[in-house]
N, C-alpha and C. Protein backbone atom coordinates (compact mmCIF):
# COMPACT_ATOMS: atom_id res chain seq x y z
N MET A 1 10.47 -21.00 12.81
CA MET A 1 10.71 -22.15 12.00
C MET A 1 11.96 -22.87 12.49
N GLN A 2 12.99 -22.12 12.88
CA GLN A 2 14.22 -22.75 13.35
C GLN A 2 13.99 -23.55 14.62
N ALA A 3 13.13 -23.03 15.50
CA ALA A 3 12.83 -23.76 16.74
C ALA A 3 12.08 -25.06 16.43
N LEU A 4 11.18 -25.02 15.46
CA LEU A 4 10.43 -26.23 15.09
C LEU A 4 11.34 -27.26 14.42
N GLN A 5 12.32 -26.81 13.66
CA GLN A 5 13.23 -27.74 13.00
C GLN A 5 14.06 -28.53 14.01
N LYS A 6 14.27 -27.98 15.19
CA LYS A 6 15.07 -28.65 16.23
C LYS A 6 14.27 -29.72 16.98
N ARG A 7 12.95 -29.72 16.83
CA ARG A 7 12.11 -30.68 17.55
C ARG A 7 12.25 -32.05 16.90
N PRO A 8 12.57 -33.09 17.69
CA PRO A 8 12.79 -34.42 17.11
C PRO A 8 11.52 -35.06 16.54
N GLU A 9 10.34 -34.66 17.02
CA GLU A 9 9.11 -35.27 16.53
C GLU A 9 8.63 -34.67 15.20
N LEU A 10 9.31 -33.63 14.72
CA LEU A 10 8.94 -32.99 13.45
C LEU A 10 10.02 -33.24 12.41
N GLN A 11 9.61 -33.45 11.17
CA GLN A 11 10.55 -33.68 10.08
C GLN A 11 10.27 -32.72 8.93
N ASP A 12 11.30 -32.39 8.20
CA ASP A 12 11.18 -31.58 6.98
C ASP A 12 10.36 -30.31 7.19
N VAL A 13 10.68 -29.55 8.21
CA VAL A 13 9.97 -28.30 8.48
C VAL A 13 10.47 -27.24 7.50
N THR A 14 9.55 -26.68 6.75
CA THR A 14 9.88 -25.60 5.81
C THR A 14 8.80 -24.53 5.90
N SER A 15 9.04 -23.45 5.23
CA SER A 15 8.07 -22.37 5.21
C SER A 15 8.03 -21.75 3.82
N ASP A 16 6.85 -21.31 3.42
CA ASP A 16 6.73 -20.58 2.17
C ASP A 16 6.44 -19.10 2.44
N LEU A 17 6.67 -18.68 3.68
CA LEU A 17 6.44 -17.30 4.06
C LEU A 17 7.64 -16.45 3.67
N TYR A 18 7.40 -15.41 2.89
CA TYR A 18 8.44 -14.49 2.49
C TYR A 18 8.00 -13.08 2.89
N LEU A 19 8.74 -12.48 3.79
CA LEU A 19 8.40 -11.14 4.26
C LEU A 19 9.19 -10.11 3.45
N LYS A 20 8.68 -9.79 2.29
CA LYS A 20 9.35 -8.82 1.44
C LYS A 20 8.55 -7.53 1.33
N SER A 21 7.43 -7.46 1.99
CA SER A 21 6.61 -6.26 1.93
C SER A 21 7.12 -5.24 2.94
N PRO A 22 7.61 -4.11 2.47
CA PRO A 22 8.08 -3.11 3.42
C PRO A 22 6.90 -2.52 4.19
N GLN A 23 7.17 -2.09 5.40
CA GLN A 23 6.15 -1.46 6.23
C GLN A 23 6.67 -0.14 6.75
N LEU A 24 5.77 0.81 6.93
CA LEU A 24 6.13 2.12 7.40
C LEU A 24 4.98 2.64 8.26
N ALA A 25 5.31 3.13 9.44
CA ALA A 25 4.28 3.72 10.32
C ALA A 25 4.21 5.22 10.01
N ILE A 26 2.99 5.70 9.80
CA ILE A 26 2.78 7.11 9.46
C ILE A 26 1.88 7.75 10.50
N GLU A 27 2.31 8.89 11.00
CA GLU A 27 1.47 9.66 11.91
C GLU A 27 0.93 10.86 11.15
N ILE A 28 -0.37 11.05 11.22
CA ILE A 28 -1.02 12.16 10.52
C ILE A 28 -1.18 13.32 11.49
N ASN A 29 -0.64 14.47 11.12
CA ASN A 29 -0.85 15.69 11.90
C ASN A 29 -2.23 16.22 11.51
N ARG A 30 -3.22 15.84 12.27
CA ARG A 30 -4.61 16.15 11.91
C ARG A 30 -4.90 17.65 11.91
N ASP A 31 -4.25 18.40 12.80
CA ASP A 31 -4.47 19.85 12.82
C ASP A 31 -3.97 20.50 11.54
N LYS A 32 -2.75 20.11 11.12
CA LYS A 32 -2.19 20.68 9.90
C LYS A 32 -2.99 20.23 8.68
N ALA A 33 -3.37 18.95 8.65
CA ALA A 33 -4.16 18.45 7.54
C ALA A 33 -5.49 19.20 7.45
N SER A 34 -6.12 19.41 8.59
CA SER A 34 -7.40 20.12 8.62
C SER A 34 -7.24 21.56 8.13
N SER A 35 -6.14 22.22 8.51
CA SER A 35 -5.93 23.60 8.07
C SER A 35 -5.71 23.68 6.55
N MET A 36 -5.32 22.56 5.95
CA MET A 36 -5.12 22.52 4.50
C MET A 36 -6.35 21.97 3.78
N GLY A 37 -7.41 21.68 4.54
CA GLY A 37 -8.64 21.18 3.93
C GLY A 37 -8.60 19.71 3.58
N VAL A 38 -7.75 18.94 4.27
CA VAL A 38 -7.60 17.52 4.00
C VAL A 38 -7.96 16.73 5.25
N THR A 39 -8.76 15.70 5.10
CA THR A 39 -9.13 14.87 6.24
C THR A 39 -8.19 13.66 6.34
N ALA A 40 -8.16 13.07 7.51
CA ALA A 40 -7.35 11.86 7.71
C ALA A 40 -7.84 10.75 6.78
N ASP A 41 -9.13 10.69 6.55
CA ASP A 41 -9.69 9.69 5.65
C ASP A 41 -9.18 9.86 4.22
N GLN A 42 -9.07 11.10 3.76
CA GLN A 42 -8.55 11.36 2.42
C GLN A 42 -7.09 10.93 2.32
N ILE A 43 -6.31 11.15 3.38
CA ILE A 43 -4.91 10.74 3.40
C ILE A 43 -4.81 9.23 3.37
N GLU A 44 -5.61 8.56 4.18
CA GLU A 44 -5.60 7.10 4.21
C GLU A 44 -6.02 6.52 2.86
N THR A 45 -7.00 7.12 2.23
CA THR A 45 -7.44 6.67 0.91
C THR A 45 -6.34 6.85 -0.12
N ALA A 46 -5.67 8.00 -0.09
CA ALA A 46 -4.58 8.25 -1.04
C ALA A 46 -3.45 7.25 -0.85
N LEU A 47 -3.11 6.95 0.40
CA LEU A 47 -2.05 5.96 0.67
C LEU A 47 -2.48 4.57 0.21
N GLY A 48 -3.73 4.23 0.47
CA GLY A 48 -4.24 2.93 0.04
C GLY A 48 -4.26 2.80 -1.47
N ASN A 49 -4.67 3.88 -2.15
CA ASN A 49 -4.68 3.85 -3.62
C ASN A 49 -3.28 3.76 -4.19
N ALA A 50 -2.33 4.43 -3.54
CA ALA A 50 -0.97 4.46 -4.06
C ALA A 50 -0.19 3.19 -3.76
N TYR A 51 -0.36 2.63 -2.58
CA TYR A 51 0.50 1.53 -2.15
C TYR A 51 -0.20 0.18 -2.04
N GLY A 52 -1.48 0.16 -2.23
CA GLY A 52 -2.20 -1.11 -2.26
C GLY A 52 -2.69 -1.37 -3.66
N GLN A 53 -2.89 -2.60 -3.99
CA GLN A 53 -3.44 -2.90 -5.31
C GLN A 53 -4.93 -2.61 -5.28
N GLN A 54 -5.37 -1.91 -6.29
CA GLN A 54 -6.78 -1.56 -6.37
C GLN A 54 -7.28 -1.84 -7.77
N GLN A 55 -8.36 -2.59 -7.85
CA GLN A 55 -8.97 -2.85 -9.15
C GLN A 55 -9.80 -1.64 -9.53
N VAL A 56 -9.53 -1.09 -10.71
CA VAL A 56 -10.24 0.11 -11.15
C VAL A 56 -11.18 -0.14 -12.32
N SER A 57 -11.01 -1.28 -12.98
CA SER A 57 -11.86 -1.57 -14.12
C SER A 57 -11.75 -3.04 -14.48
N THR A 58 -12.61 -3.46 -15.36
CA THR A 58 -12.55 -4.82 -15.90
C THR A 58 -12.68 -4.72 -17.41
N ILE A 59 -11.81 -5.45 -18.10
CA ILE A 59 -11.86 -5.50 -19.56
C ILE A 59 -12.47 -6.84 -19.95
N TYR A 60 -13.54 -6.78 -20.70
CA TYR A 60 -14.22 -7.99 -21.15
C TYR A 60 -13.84 -8.28 -22.59
N ALA A 61 -13.17 -9.38 -22.79
CA ALA A 61 -12.79 -9.82 -24.13
C ALA A 61 -13.67 -11.01 -24.50
N PRO A 62 -13.70 -11.38 -25.76
CA PRO A 62 -14.56 -12.50 -26.17
C PRO A 62 -14.26 -13.81 -25.43
N ASN A 63 -13.00 -14.05 -25.13
CA ASN A 63 -12.63 -15.33 -24.52
C ASN A 63 -12.14 -15.22 -23.08
N ASN A 64 -12.06 -14.02 -22.55
CA ASN A 64 -11.51 -13.88 -21.20
C ASN A 64 -11.94 -12.55 -20.58
N THR A 65 -11.68 -12.43 -19.30
CA THR A 65 -11.94 -11.20 -18.56
C THR A 65 -10.64 -10.78 -17.91
N TYR A 66 -10.30 -9.48 -18.01
CA TYR A 66 -9.04 -8.97 -17.45
C TYR A 66 -9.35 -7.88 -16.43
N ARG A 67 -8.75 -8.00 -15.27
CA ARG A 67 -8.90 -6.96 -14.25
C ARG A 67 -7.82 -5.91 -14.45
N VAL A 68 -8.19 -4.66 -14.37
CA VAL A 68 -7.23 -3.56 -14.47
C VAL A 68 -6.88 -3.14 -13.04
N ILE A 69 -5.61 -3.29 -12.69
CA ILE A 69 -5.12 -3.02 -11.35
C ILE A 69 -4.22 -1.79 -11.38
N VAL A 70 -4.38 -0.90 -10.40
CA VAL A 70 -3.51 0.27 -10.27
C VAL A 70 -2.66 0.08 -9.02
N GLU A 71 -1.35 0.29 -9.18
CA GLU A 71 -0.44 0.24 -8.04
C GLU A 71 0.81 1.05 -8.38
N VAL A 72 1.55 1.42 -7.35
CA VAL A 72 2.79 2.16 -7.52
C VAL A 72 3.88 1.18 -7.96
N LYS A 73 4.77 1.62 -8.82
CA LYS A 73 5.88 0.77 -9.24
C LYS A 73 6.69 0.35 -8.03
N PRO A 74 7.22 -0.88 -8.03
CA PRO A 74 7.95 -1.39 -6.87
C PRO A 74 9.11 -0.50 -6.42
N GLN A 75 9.82 0.14 -7.33
CA GLN A 75 10.93 0.99 -6.91
C GLN A 75 10.48 2.17 -6.07
N TYR A 76 9.23 2.60 -6.23
CA TYR A 76 8.70 3.69 -5.43
C TYR A 76 8.16 3.18 -4.09
N GLN A 77 7.80 1.92 -4.02
CA GLN A 77 7.28 1.35 -2.78
C GLN A 77 8.39 1.10 -1.77
N LEU A 78 9.61 0.94 -2.23
CA LEU A 78 10.71 0.57 -1.34
C LEU A 78 11.40 1.76 -0.68
N ASP A 79 11.20 2.95 -1.19
CA ASP A 79 11.89 4.13 -0.67
C ASP A 79 10.90 5.05 0.05
N PRO A 80 11.02 5.19 1.38
CA PRO A 80 10.09 6.06 2.12
C PRO A 80 10.12 7.52 1.66
N GLN A 81 11.23 7.95 1.06
CA GLN A 81 11.32 9.33 0.58
C GLN A 81 10.34 9.60 -0.56
N MET A 82 9.88 8.55 -1.21
CA MET A 82 8.95 8.70 -2.33
C MET A 82 7.56 9.15 -1.85
N LEU A 83 7.30 9.06 -0.55
CA LEU A 83 6.02 9.55 -0.03
C LEU A 83 5.86 11.04 -0.29
N SER A 84 6.98 11.76 -0.41
CA SER A 84 6.90 13.21 -0.67
C SER A 84 6.33 13.50 -2.05
N MET A 85 6.26 12.50 -2.91
CA MET A 85 5.69 12.70 -4.25
C MET A 85 4.18 12.47 -4.27
N LEU A 86 3.61 12.06 -3.15
CA LEU A 86 2.19 11.78 -3.07
C LEU A 86 1.43 13.05 -2.69
N TYR A 87 0.45 13.39 -3.50
CA TYR A 87 -0.37 14.57 -3.26
C TYR A 87 -1.81 14.15 -3.00
N VAL A 88 -2.50 14.92 -2.16
CA VAL A 88 -3.90 14.67 -1.83
C VAL A 88 -4.69 15.91 -2.22
N HIS A 89 -5.78 15.71 -2.93
CA HIS A 89 -6.64 16.82 -3.35
C HIS A 89 -7.52 17.21 -2.19
N SER A 90 -7.46 18.46 -1.78
CA SER A 90 -8.24 18.92 -0.63
C SER A 90 -9.66 19.29 -1.05
N SER A 91 -10.52 19.44 -0.05
CA SER A 91 -11.91 19.82 -0.33
C SER A 91 -11.98 21.25 -0.86
N ALA A 92 -10.94 22.05 -0.63
CA ALA A 92 -10.90 23.43 -1.13
C ALA A 92 -10.38 23.50 -2.55
N GLY A 93 -10.06 22.36 -3.15
CA GLY A 93 -9.60 22.35 -4.53
C GLY A 93 -8.09 22.49 -4.68
N ARG A 94 -7.36 22.47 -3.56
CA ARG A 94 -5.89 22.58 -3.63
C ARG A 94 -5.28 21.18 -3.53
N TRP A 95 -4.05 21.07 -4.00
CA TRP A 95 -3.29 19.83 -3.86
C TRP A 95 -2.33 19.99 -2.70
N SER A 96 -2.31 19.04 -1.80
CA SER A 96 -1.44 19.09 -0.63
C SER A 96 -0.59 17.84 -0.58
N ARG A 97 0.60 17.97 -0.03
CA ARG A 97 1.42 16.78 0.17
C ARG A 97 1.94 16.74 1.58
């Protein structure tokens, strides 16, 4: 945006882009996950359910419709240490983190 603002042929260059979404790269130890009865797909689903907005239901009222959204509170989304609180249910019936 700063480079475009310096161009004489452009006026009033602004942006409504706000990069406030934290990002984190996660590597899955597939061997360890497999030994605990957890697949990479289950881990990805758990992360998606926890950190992405997911519609889980719809409430129908006489005058309106309301979507029920599940997401992690923002204070938990900002701290990578909070990932240690996420558990995945394994196919063997155990909870793993």
